[in-house]
Amino acid sequence: IDRKYKFLAVNPVSGNIHTEDDAIVFLAKDLALMP
């Protein structure tokens, strides 16, 4: 799904793991994020 980033995200409560195969990343510095 996310072609720009490779990543590994882990929910510390559930232990669920997500990568670019089922999730996307937005950077907090991007001005388009707030809207």
PDB file of all heavy atoms in Angstrom:
ATOM      1  N   ILE A   1       0.828  -1.199   0.000  1.00  0.00           N
ATOM      2  CA  ILE A   1       0.000   0.000   0.000  1.00  0.00           C
ATOM      3  C   ILE A   1       0.868   1.257   0.000  1.00  0.00           C
ATOM      4  O   ILE A   1       0.710   2.137  -0.827  1.00  0.00           O
ATOM      5  CB  ILE A   1      -0.965  -0.006   1.203  1.00  0.00           C
ATOM      6  CG1 ILE A   1      -1.970  -1.144   1.039  1.00  0.00           C
ATOM      7  CG2 ILE A   1      -1.680   1.332   1.333  1.00  0.00           C
ATOM      8  CD1 ILE A   1      -2.857  -1.368   2.225  1.00  0.00           C
ATOM      9  N   ASP A   2       1.776   1.354   0.973  1.00  0.00           N
ATOM     10  CA  ASP A   2       2.648   2.529   1.069  1.00  0.00           C
ATOM     11  C   ASP A   2       3.909   2.252   0.269  1.00  0.00           C
ATOM     12  O   ASP A   2       4.724   1.427   0.639  1.00  0.00           O
ATOM     13  CB  ASP A   2       2.988   2.824   2.524  1.00  0.00           C
ATOM     14  CG  ASP A   2       3.625   4.190   2.715  1.00  0.00           C
ATOM     15  OD1 ASP A   2       4.386   4.632   1.830  1.00  0.00           O
ATOM     16  OD2 ASP A   2       3.385   4.809   3.766  1.00  0.00           O
ATOM     17  N   ARG A   3       4.063   2.925  -0.859  1.00  0.00           N
ATOM     18  CA  ARG A   3       5.222   2.685  -1.712  1.00  0.00           C
ATOM     19  C   ARG A   3       6.419   3.558  -1.352  1.00  0.00           C
ATOM     20  O   ARG A   3       7.535   3.275  -1.768  1.00  0.00           O
ATOM     21  CB  ARG A   3       4.848   2.931  -3.172  1.00  0.00           C
ATOM     22  CG  ARG A   3       3.896   1.908  -3.721  1.00  0.00           C
ATOM     23  CD  ARG A   3       3.597   2.205  -5.166  1.00  0.00           C
ATOM     24  NE  ARG A   3       2.807   1.151  -5.773  1.00  0.00           N
ATOM     25  CZ  ARG A   3       2.420   1.168  -7.036  1.00  0.00           C
ATOM     26  NH1 ARG A   3       2.743   2.186  -7.809  1.00  0.00           N
ATOM     27  NH2 ARG A   3       1.705   0.180  -7.515  1.00  0.00           N
ATOM     28  N   LYS A   4       6.181   4.631  -0.584  1.00  0.00           N
ATOM     29  CA  LYS A   4       7.285   5.547  -0.282  1.00  0.00           C
ATOM     30  C   LYS A   4       8.136   5.052   0.886  1.00  0.00           C
ATOM     31  O   LYS A   4       9.349   5.223   0.893  1.00  0.00           O
ATOM     32  CB  LYS A   4       6.732   6.937   0.034  1.00  0.00           C
ATOM     33  CG  LYS A   4       7.817   7.989   0.183  1.00  0.00           C
ATOM     34  CD  LYS A   4       7.227   9.385   0.241  1.00  0.00           C
ATOM     35  CE  LYS A   4       8.301  10.435   0.293  1.00  0.00           C
ATOM     36  NZ  LYS A   4       7.754  11.794   0.284  1.00  0.00           N
ATOM     37  N   TYR A   5       7.488   4.415   1.871  1.00  0.00           N
ATOM     38  CA  TYR A   5       8.203   4.028   3.084  1.00  0.00           C
ATOM     39  C   TYR A   5       8.146   2.531   3.326  1.00  0.00           C
ATOM     40  O   TYR A   5       7.153   1.877   3.038  1.00  0.00           O
ATOM     41  CB  TYR A   5       7.600   4.735   4.309  1.00  0.00           C
ATOM     42  CG  TYR A   5       7.767   6.221   4.266  1.00  0.00           C
ATOM     43  CD1 TYR A   5       6.706   7.040   3.917  1.00  0.00           C
ATOM     44  CD2 TYR A   5       8.988   6.806   4.555  1.00  0.00           C
ATOM     45  CE1 TYR A   5       6.858   8.415   3.861  1.00  0.00           C
ATOM     46  CE2 TYR A   5       9.148   8.176   4.500  1.00  0.00           C
ATOM     47  CZ  TYR A   5       8.080   8.976   4.159  1.00  0.00           C
ATOM     48  OH  TYR A   5       8.234  10.328   4.101  1.00  0.00           O
ATOM     49  N   LYS A   6       9.222   2.016   3.888  1.00  0.00           N
ATOM     50  CA  LYS A   6       9.242   0.677   4.466  1.00  0.00           C
ATOM     51  C   LYS A   6       9.257   0.899   5.964  1.00  0.00           C
ATOM     52  O   LYS A   6      10.032   1.714   6.466  1.00  0.00           O
ATOM     53  CB  LYS A   6      10.494  -0.090   4.045  1.00  0.00           C
ATOM     54  CG  LYS A   6      10.511  -0.451   2.566  1.00  0.00           C
ATOM     55  CD  LYS A   6      11.714  -1.287   2.209  1.00  0.00           C
ATOM     56  CE  LYS A   6      11.700  -2.654   2.806  1.00  0.00           C
ATOM     57  NZ  LYS A   6      10.720  -3.606   2.317  1.00  0.00           N
ATOM     58  N   PHE A   7       8.394   0.206   6.687  1.00  0.00           N
ATOM     59  CA  PHE A   7       8.344   0.441   8.128  1.00  0.00           C
ATOM     60  C   PHE A   7       7.775  -0.764   8.855  1.00  0.00           C
ATOM     61  O   PHE A   7       7.163  -1.641   8.256  1.00  0.00           O
ATOM     62  CB  PHE A   7       7.517   1.696   8.444  1.00  0.00           C
ATOM     63  CG  PHE A   7       6.094   1.630   7.959  1.00  0.00           C
ATOM     64  CD1 PHE A   7       5.090   1.130   8.771  1.00  0.00           C
ATOM     65  CD2 PHE A   7       5.757   2.058   6.687  1.00  0.00           C
ATOM     66  CE1 PHE A   7       3.779   1.068   8.327  1.00  0.00           C
ATOM     67  CE2 PHE A   7       4.458   2.006   6.233  1.00  0.00           C
ATOM     68  CZ  PHE A   7       3.461   1.500   7.054  1.00  0.00           C
ATOM     69  N   LEU A   8       7.991  -0.754  10.147  1.00  0.00           N
ATOM     70  CA  LEU A   8       7.444  -1.763  11.042  1.00  0.00           C
ATOM     71  C   LEU A   8       6.834  -1.005  12.215  1.00  0.00           C
ATOM     72  O   LEU A   8       7.530  -0.286  12.925  1.00  0.00           O
ATOM     73  CB  LEU A   8       8.540  -2.707  11.534  1.00  0.00           C
ATOM     74  CG  LEU A   8       8.120  -3.742  12.557  1.00  0.00           C
ATOM     75  CD1 LEU A   8       7.177  -4.758  11.937  1.00  0.00           C
ATOM     76  CD2 LEU A   8       9.335  -4.433  13.136  1.00  0.00           C
ATOM     77  N   ALA A   9       5.531  -1.133  12.372  1.00  0.00           N
ATOM     78  CA  ALA A   9       4.831  -0.465  13.466  1.00  0.00           C
ATOM     79  C   ALA A   9       4.233  -1.537  14.370  1.00  0.00           C
ATOM     80  O   ALA A   9       3.590  -2.470  13.896  1.00  0.00           O
ATOM     81  CB  ALA A   9       3.730   0.438  12.920  1.00  0.00           C
ATOM     82  N   VAL A  10       4.460  -1.385  15.664  1.00  0.00           N
ATOM     83  CA  VAL A  10       3.959  -2.357  16.628  1.00  0.00           C
ATOM     84  C   VAL A  10       3.059  -1.652  17.633  1.00  0.00           C
ATOM     85  O   VAL A  10       3.462  -0.662  18.244  1.00  0.00           O
ATOM     86  CB  VAL A  10       5.126  -3.046  17.378  1.00  0.00           C
ATOM     87  CG1 VAL A  10       4.596  -4.050  18.379  1.00  0.00           C
ATOM     88  CG2 VAL A  10       6.088  -3.692  16.400  1.00  0.00           C
ATOM     89  N   ASN A  11       1.835  -2.140  17.782  1.00  0.00           N
ATOM     90  CA  ASN A  11       0.946  -1.622  18.814  1.00  0.00           C
ATOM     91  C   ASN A  11       1.401  -2.232  20.136  1.00  0.00           C
ATOM     92  O   ASN A  11       1.319  -3.448  20.309  1.00  0.00           O
ATOM     93  CB  ASN A  11      -0.503  -2.015  18.502  1.00  0.00           C
ATOM     94  CG  ASN A  11      -1.481  -1.487  19.520  1.00  0.00           C
ATOM     95  OD1 ASN A  11      -1.223  -1.535  20.721  1.00  0.00           O
ATOM     96  ND2 ASN A  11      -2.616  -1.030  19.060  1.00  0.00           N
ATOM     97  N   PRO A  12       1.888  -1.415  21.069  1.00  0.00           N
ATOM     98  CA  PRO A  12       2.430  -1.961  22.307  1.00  0.00           C
ATOM     99  C   PRO A  12       1.376  -2.587  23.219  1.00  0.00           C
ATOM    100  O   PRO A  12       1.715  -3.326  24.142  1.00  0.00           O
ATOM    101  CB  PRO A  12       3.093  -0.753  22.973  1.00  0.00           C
ATOM    102  CG  PRO A  12       2.398   0.425  22.397  1.00  0.00           C
ATOM    103  CD  PRO A  12       1.981   0.036  21.004  1.00  0.00           C
ATOM    104  N   VAL A  13       0.113  -2.312  22.970  1.00  0.00           N
ATOM    105  CA  VAL A  13      -0.950  -2.880  23.807  1.00  0.00           C
ATOM    106  C   VAL A  13      -1.418  -4.221  23.240  1.00  0.00           C
ATOM    107  O   VAL A  13      -1.458  -5.223  23.944  1.00  0.00           O
ATOM    108  CB  VAL A  13      -2.138  -1.896  23.932  1.00  0.00           C
ATOM    109  CG1 VAL A  13      -3.277  -2.520  24.708  1.00  0.00           C
ATOM    110  CG2 VAL A  13      -1.683  -0.594  24.592  1.00  0.00           C
ATOM    111  N   SER A  14      -1.759  -4.242  21.956  1.00  0.00           N
ATOM    112  CA  SER A  14      -2.289  -5.472  21.362  1.00  0.00           C
ATOM    113  C   SER A  14      -1.205  -6.384  20.802  1.00  0.00           C
ATOM    114  O   SER A  14      -1.435  -7.571  20.604  1.00  0.00           O
ATOM    115  CB  SER A  14      -3.259  -5.126  20.221  1.00  0.00           C
ATOM    116  OG  SER A  14      -2.551  -4.547  19.131  1.00  0.00           O
ATOM    117  N   GLY A  15      -0.047  -5.798  20.499  1.00  0.00           N
ATOM    118  CA  GLY A  15       1.013  -6.565  19.873  1.00  0.00           C
ATOM    119  C   GLY A  15       0.847  -6.678  18.370  1.00  0.00           C
ATOM    120  O   GLY A  15       1.666  -7.307  17.696  1.00  0.00           O
ATOM    121  N   ASN A  16      -0.210  -6.077  17.807  1.00  0.00           N
ATOM    122  CA  ASN A  16      -0.419  -6.115  16.359  1.00  0.00           C
ATOM    123  C   ASN A  16       0.735  -5.430  15.639  1.00  0.00           C
ATOM    124  O   ASN A  16       1.230  -4.391  16.090  1.00  0.00           O
ATOM    125  CB  ASN A  16      -1.729  -5.434  15.969  1.00  0.00           C
ATOM    126  CG  ASN A  16      -2.938  -6.215  16.430  1.00  0.00           C
ATOM    127  OD1 ASN A  16      -2.872  -7.417  16.674  1.00  0.00           O
ATOM    128  ND2 ASN A  16      -4.065  -5.541  16.556  1.00  0.00           N
ATOM    129  N   ILE A  17       1.147  -6.027  14.528  1.00  0.00           N
ATOM    130  CA  ILE A  17       2.265  -5.517  13.742  1.00  0.00           C
ATOM    131  C   ILE A  17       1.741  -5.086  12.374  1.00  0.00           C
ATOM    132  O   ILE A  17       0.942  -5.779  11.755  1.00  0.00           O
ATOM    133  CB  ILE A  17       3.348  -6.597  13.579  1.00  0.00           C
ATOM    134  CG1 ILE A  17       3.929  -6.945  14.955  1.00  0.00           C
ATOM    135  CG2 ILE A  17       4.436  -6.138  12.616  1.00  0.00           C
ATOM    136  CD1 ILE A  17       4.879  -8.121  14.942  1.00  0.00           C
ATOM    137  N   HIS A  18       2.232  -3.924  11.919  1.00  0.00           N
ATOM    138  CA  HIS A  18       1.834  -3.405  10.619  1.00  0.00           C
ATOM    139  C   HIS A  18       3.067  -2.961   9.849  1.00  0.00           C
ATOM    140  O   HIS A  18       4.047  -2.501  10.428  1.00  0.00           O
ATOM    141  CB  HIS A  18       0.859  -2.233  10.773  1.00  0.00           C
ATOM    142  CG  HIS A  18      -0.396  -2.633  11.463  1.00  0.00           C
ATOM    143  ND1 HIS A  18      -1.422  -3.269  10.815  1.00  0.00           N
ATOM    144  CD2 HIS A  18      -0.777  -2.517  12.765  1.00  0.00           C
ATOM    145  CE1 HIS A  18      -2.386  -3.524  11.678  1.00  0.00           C
ATOM    146  NE2 HIS A  18      -2.021  -3.075  12.863  1.00  0.00           N
ATOM    147  N   THR A  19       2.998  -3.100   8.532  1.00  0.00           N
ATOM    148  CA  THR A  19       4.069  -2.673   7.640  1.00  0.00           C
ATOM    149  C   THR A  19       3.448  -1.925   6.469  1.00  0.00           C
ATOM    150  O   THR A  19       2.233  -1.713   6.426  1.00  0.00           O
ATOM    151  CB  THR A  19       4.858  -3.882   7.086  1.00  0.00           C
ATOM    152  OG1 THR A  19       4.010  -4.611   6.194  1.00  0.00           O
ATOM    153  CG2 THR A  19       5.373  -4.781   8.201  1.00  0.00           C
ATOM    154  N   GLU A  20       4.274  -1.617   5.490  1.00  0.00           N
ATOM    155  CA  GLU A  20       3.796  -0.935   4.292  1.00  0.00           C
ATOM    156  C   GLU A  20       2.813  -1.784   3.491  1.00  0.00           C
ATOM    157  O   GLU A  20       2.151  -1.298   2.589  1.00  0.00           O
ATOM    158  CB  GLU A  20       4.972  -0.512   3.401  1.00  0.00           C
ATOM    159  CG  GLU A  20       5.804  -1.658   2.853  1.00  0.00           C
ATOM    160  CD  GLU A  20       6.847  -2.203   3.838  1.00  0.00           C
ATOM    161  OE1 GLU A  20       6.966  -1.710   4.974  1.00  0.00           O
ATOM    162  OE2 GLU A  20       7.551  -3.144   3.442  1.00  0.00           O
ATOM    163  N   ASP A  21       2.682  -3.059   3.861  1.00  0.00           N
ATOM    164  CA  ASP A  21       1.726  -3.930   3.172  1.00  0.00           C
ATOM    165  C   ASP A  21       0.277  -3.678   3.592  1.00  0.00           C
ATOM    166  O   ASP A  21      -0.642  -4.021   2.850  1.00  0.00           O
ATOM    167  CB  ASP A  21       2.075  -5.401   3.407  1.00  0.00           C
ATOM    168  CG  ASP A  21       3.349  -5.804   2.685  1.00  0.00           C
ATOM    169  OD1 ASP A  21       3.641  -5.228   1.615  1.00  0.00           O
ATOM    170  OD2 ASP A  21       4.057  -6.680   3.198  1.00  0.00           O
ATOM    171  N   ASP A  22       0.080  -3.100   4.790  1.00  0.00           N
ATOM    172  CA  ASP A  22      -1.303  -2.887   5.244  1.00  0.00           C
ATOM    173  C   ASP A  22      -1.518  -1.541   5.930  1.00  0.00           C
ATOM    174  O   ASP A  22      -2.557  -1.315   6.548  1.00  0.00           O
ATOM    175  CB  ASP A  22      -1.748  -4.019   6.171  1.00  0.00           C
ATOM    176  CG  ASP A  22      -1.046  -4.009   7.518  1.00  0.00           C
ATOM    177  OD1 ASP A  22      -0.030  -3.311   7.688  1.00  0.00           O
ATOM    178  OD2 ASP A  22      -1.526  -4.702   8.427  1.00  0.00           O
ATOM    179  N   ALA A  23      -0.555  -0.623   5.808  1.00  0.00           N
ATOM    180  CA  ALA A  23      -0.678   0.667   6.485  1.00  0.00           C
ATOM    181  C   ALA A  23       0.076   1.733   5.683  1.00  0.00           C
ATOM    182  O   ALA A  23       0.769   1.428   4.709  1.00  0.00           O
ATOM    183  CB  ALA A  23      -0.107   0.569   7.901  1.00  0.00           C
ATOM    184  N   ILE A  24      -0.080   2.984   6.106  1.00  0.00           N
ATOM    185  CA  ILE A  24       0.602   4.105   5.457  1.00  0.00           C
ATOM    186  C   ILE A  24       1.238   4.986   6.521  1.00  0.00           C
ATOM    187  O   ILE A  24       0.830   4.973   7.679  1.00  0.00           O
ATOM    188  CB  ILE A  24      -0.361   4.941   4.581  1.00  0.00           C
ATOM    189  CG1 ILE A  24      -1.532   5.458   5.406  1.00  0.00           C
ATOM    190  CG2 ILE A  24      -0.848   4.121   3.403  1.00  0.00           C
ATOM    191  CD1 ILE A  24      -2.489   6.353   4.641  1.00  0.00           C
ATOM    192  N   VAL A  25       2.218   5.776   6.101  1.00  0.00           N
ATOM    193  CA  VAL A  25       2.917   6.681   7.008  1.00  0.00           C
ATOM    194  C   VAL A  25       2.731   8.117   6.533  1.00  0.00           C
ATOM    195  O   VAL A  25       2.883   8.401   5.347  1.00  0.00           O
ATOM    196  CB  VAL A  25       4.429   6.356   7.060  1.00  0.00           C
ATOM    197  CG1 VAL A  25       5.194   7.428   7.803  1.00  0.00           C
ATOM    198  CG2 VAL A  25       4.673   5.008   7.696  1.00  0.00           C
ATOM    199  N   PHE A  26       2.388   8.979   7.460  1.00  0.00           N
ATOM    200  CA  PHE A  26       2.403  10.420   7.222  1.00  0.00           C
ATOM    201  C   PHE A  26       3.399  11.015   8.205  1.00  0.00           C
ATOM    202  O   PHE A  26       3.380  10.671   9.387  1.00  0.00           O
ATOM    203  CB  PHE A  26       1.027  11.049   7.477  1.00  0.00           C
ATOM    204  CG  PHE A  26      -0.003  10.684   6.459  1.00  0.00           C
ATOM    205  CD1 PHE A  26      -0.928   9.689   6.716  1.00  0.00           C
ATOM    206  CD2 PHE A  26      -0.063  11.350   5.242  1.00  0.00           C
ATOM    207  CE1 PHE A  26      -1.889   9.348   5.784  1.00  0.00           C
ATOM    208  CE2 PHE A  26      -1.023  11.014   4.296  1.00  0.00           C
ATOM    209  CZ  PHE A  26      -1.935  10.012   4.569  1.00  0.00           C
ATOM    210  N   LEU A  27       4.244  11.915   7.758  1.00  0.00           N
ATOM    211  CA  LEU A  27       5.200  12.558   8.646  1.00  0.00           C
ATOM    212  C   LEU A  27       4.572  13.760   9.322  1.00  0.00           C
ATOM    213  O   LEU A  27       3.858  14.543   8.684  1.00  0.00           O
ATOM    214  CB  LEU A  27       6.444  12.978   7.872  1.00  0.00           C
ATOM    215  CG  LEU A  27       7.206  11.840   7.191  1.00  0.00           C
ATOM    216  CD1 LEU A  27       8.452  12.391   6.508  1.00  0.00           C
ATOM    217  CD2 LEU A  27       7.577  10.751   8.183  1.00  0.00           C
ATOM    218  N   ALA A  28       4.862  13.937  10.595  1.00  0.00           N
ATOM    219  CA  ALA A  28       4.270  15.021  11.376  1.00  0.00           C
ATOM    220  C   ALA A  28       4.680  16.396  10.859  1.00  0.00           C
ATOM    221  O   ALA A  28       3.970  17.367  11.065  1.00  0.00           O
ATOM    222  CB  ALA A  28       4.650  14.873  12.848  1.00  0.00           C
ATOM    223  N   LYS A  29       5.792  16.486  10.149  1.00  0.00           N
ATOM    224  CA  LYS A  29       6.244  17.785   9.627  1.00  0.00           C
ATOM    225  C   LYS A  29       5.480  18.233   8.383  1.00  0.00           C
ATOM    226  O   LYS A  29       5.537  19.395   8.006  1.00  0.00           O
ATOM    227  CB  LYS A  29       7.736  17.747   9.330  1.00  0.00           C
ATOM    228  CG  LYS A  29       8.108  16.831   8.184  1.00  0.00           C
ATOM    229  CD  LYS A  29       9.602  16.809   7.966  1.00  0.00           C
ATOM    230  CE  LYS A  29       9.956  15.868   6.828  1.00  0.00           C
ATOM    231  NZ  LYS A  29      11.391  15.850   6.593  1.00  0.00           N
ATOM    232  N   ASP A  30       4.762  17.318   7.731  1.00  0.00           N
ATOM    233  CA  ASP A  30       4.059  17.655   6.499  1.00  0.00           C
ATOM    234  C   ASP A  30       2.879  18.576   6.773  1.00  0.00           C
ATOM    235  O   ASP A  30       2.005  18.265   7.581  1.00  0.00           O
ATOM    236  CB  ASP A  30       3.576  16.395   5.790  1.00  0.00           C
ATOM    237  CG  ASP A  30       4.711  15.616   5.148  1.00  0.00           C
ATOM    238  OD1 ASP A  30       5.839  16.135   5.115  1.00  0.00           O
ATOM    239  OD2 ASP A  30       4.456  14.497   4.679  1.00  0.00           O
ATOM    240  N   LEU A  31       2.850  19.695   6.077  1.00  0.00           N
ATOM    241  CA  LEU A  31       1.823  20.709   6.303  1.00  0.00           C
ATOM    242  C   LEU A  31       0.418  20.236   5.929  1.00  0.00           C
ATOM    243  O   LEU A  31      -0.562  20.781   6.405  1.00  0.00           O
ATOM    244  CB  LEU A  31       2.174  21.987   5.541  1.00  0.00           C
ATOM    245  CG  LEU A  31       3.435  22.707   6.057  1.00  0.00           C
ATOM    246  CD1 LEU A  31       3.803  23.849   5.131  1.00  0.00           C
ATOM    247  CD2 LEU A  31       3.231  23.185   7.483  1.00  0.00           C
ATOM    248  N   ALA A  32       0.307  19.228   5.102  1.00  0.00           N
ATOM    249  CA  ALA A  32      -1.014  18.720   4.712  1.00  0.00           C
ATOM    250  C   ALA A  32      -1.608  17.776   5.757  1.00  0.00           C
ATOM    251  O   ALA A  32      -2.782  17.402   5.655  1.00  0.00           O
ATOM    252  CB  ALA A  32      -0.922  17.994   3.372  1.00  0.00           C
ATOM    253  N   LEU A  33      -0.837  17.417   6.763  1.00  0.00           N
ATOM    254  CA  LEU A  33      -1.307  16.431   7.728  1.00  0.00           C
ATOM    255  C   LEU A  33      -2.457  16.940   8.596  1.00  0.00           C
ATOM    256  O   LEU A  33      -3.422  16.201   8.835  1.00  0.00           O
ATOM    257  CB  LEU A  33      -0.154  15.954   8.611  1.00  0.00           C
ATOM    258  CG  LEU A  33      -0.522  14.895   9.644  1.00  0.00           C
ATOM    259  CD1 LEU A  33      -1.100  13.652   8.974  1.00  0.00           C
ATOM    260  CD2 LEU A  33       0.680  14.545  10.494  1.00  0.00           C
ATOM    261  N   MET A  34      -2.397  18.168   9.071  1.00  0.00           N
ATOM    262  CA  MET A  34      -3.427  18.663   9.992  1.00  0.00           C
ATOM    263  C   MET A  34      -4.823  18.614   9.367  1.00  0.00           C
ATOM    264  O   MET A  34      -5.751  18.079   9.985  1.00  0.00           O
ATOM    265  CB  MET A  34      -3.085  20.071  10.475  1.00  0.00           C
ATOM    266  CG  MET A  34      -1.860  20.109  11.375  1.00  0.00           C
ATOM    267  SD  MET A  34      -1.998  19.026  12.810  1.00  0.00           S
ATOM    268  CE  MET A  34      -3.292  19.854  13.668  1.00  0.00           C
ATOM    269  N   PRO A  35      -5.017  19.137   8.166  1.00  0.00           N
ATOM    270  CA  PRO A  35      -6.352  19.027   7.564  1.00  0.00           C
ATOM    271  C   PRO A  35      -6.772  17.574   7.351  1.00  0.00           C
ATOM    272  O   PRO A  35      -7.953  17.241   7.464  1.00  0.00           O
ATOM    273  CB  PRO A  35      -6.217  19.769   6.230  1.00  0.00           C
ATOM    274  CG  PRO A  35      -5.012  20.622   6.363  1.00  0.00           C
ATOM    275  CD  PRO A  35      -4.117  19.951   7.351  1.00  0.00           C
TER     276      PRO A  35
END
